[in-house]
Amino acid sequence: MWLEGMEPGHNQGGYVDTYQRYIYIHGTQEEGLLGQPASHGCVRMANQDVIDLFEPVMVGTFVYIAG
């Protein structure tokens, strides 16, 4: 799922733009590394969790990610 930020200057617009940098929520071949930095800003999840999330989350759904 491709994410688009909402905060100008923080994750939307210019070189910081989440959408233009192709930031996704996606699965991984290395589920054992979940919880550790291993991407360039994407949100990695267990593959089955991404599969379960895909159907109910419609385009335009607001997603809040807290760390």
Protein backbone atom coordinates (compact mmCIF):
# COMPACT_ATOMS: atom_id res chain seq x y z
CA MET A 1 0.00 0.00 0.00
CA TRP A 2 1.49 3.27 -1.16
CA LEU A 3 1.48 6.07 1.44
CA GLU A 4 1.05 9.79 0.83
CA GLY A 5 1.97 12.21 3.61
CA MET A 6 -0.21 15.08 4.79
CA GLU A 7 2.27 17.44 6.48
CA PRO A 8 3.91 19.99 4.12
CA GLY A 9 7.62 20.21 4.82
CA HIS A 10 7.59 17.06 6.93
CA ASN A 11 6.37 14.25 4.65
CA GLN A 12 4.68 16.06 1.77
CA GLY A 13 6.26 18.16 -0.94
CA GLY A 14 9.76 18.59 -2.28
CA TYR A 15 12.49 16.10 -1.44
CA VAL A 16 10.66 14.91 1.71
CA ASP A 17 7.48 13.77 -0.05
CA THR A 18 6.39 10.34 1.16
CA TYR A 19 4.45 9.57 -2.03
CA GLN A 20 7.21 10.67 -4.41
CA ARG A 21 9.75 8.57 -2.45
CA TYR A 22 7.54 5.46 -2.86
CA ILE A 23 6.96 4.79 0.83
CA TYR A 24 4.82 1.68 1.31
CA ILE A 25 3.25 -0.61 3.85
CA HIS A 26 4.43 -4.03 2.67
CA GLY A 27 5.38 -7.55 3.66
CA THR A 28 8.91 -8.91 3.84
CA GLN A 29 10.90 -12.05 3.13
CA GLU A 30 12.70 -11.44 6.43
CA GLU A 31 9.94 -11.51 9.04
CA GLY A 32 12.57 -12.28 11.68
CA LEU A 33 13.89 -8.72 11.24
CA LEU A 34 10.55 -7.03 11.96
CA GLY A 35 10.98 -4.35 14.61
CA GLN A 36 14.50 -3.55 13.40
CA PRO A 37 15.46 -0.90 10.84
CA ALA A 38 15.80 -2.68 7.48
CA SER A 39 14.26 -0.39 4.84
CA HIS A 40 14.36 3.20 3.62
CA GLY A 41 11.25 4.41 5.40
CA CYS A 42 8.67 1.76 4.52
CA VAL A 43 6.47 0.11 7.11
CA ARG A 44 7.24 -3.61 7.02
CA MET A 45 4.70 -6.06 8.39
CA ALA A 46 4.28 -9.81 8.61
CA ASN A 47 3.08 -11.03 5.22
CA GLN A 48 -0.24 -12.41 6.51
CA ASP A 49 -0.95 -9.14 8.32
CA VAL A 50 -0.52 -7.21 5.07
CA ILE A 51 -2.80 -9.66 3.25
CA ASP A 52 -5.44 -9.24 5.97
CA LEU A 53 -5.13 -5.43 5.84
CA PHE A 54 -5.29 -5.05 2.06
CA GLU A 55 -8.98 -5.78 1.43
CA PRO A 56 -10.60 -3.57 4.11
CA VAL A 57 -8.33 -0.54 3.61
CA MET A 58 -9.71 1.50 0.72
CA VAL A 59 -7.83 4.11 -1.33
CA GLY A 60 -7.99 7.39 0.57
CA THR A 61 -8.13 5.80 4.02
CA PHE A 62 -6.26 7.83 6.61
CA VAL A 63 -3.46 5.82 8.22
CA TYR A 64 -1.86 6.94 11.47
CA ILE A 65 1.53 5.38 12.16
CA ALA A 66 2.98 5.78 15.65
CA GLY A 67 6.37 4.53 16.69
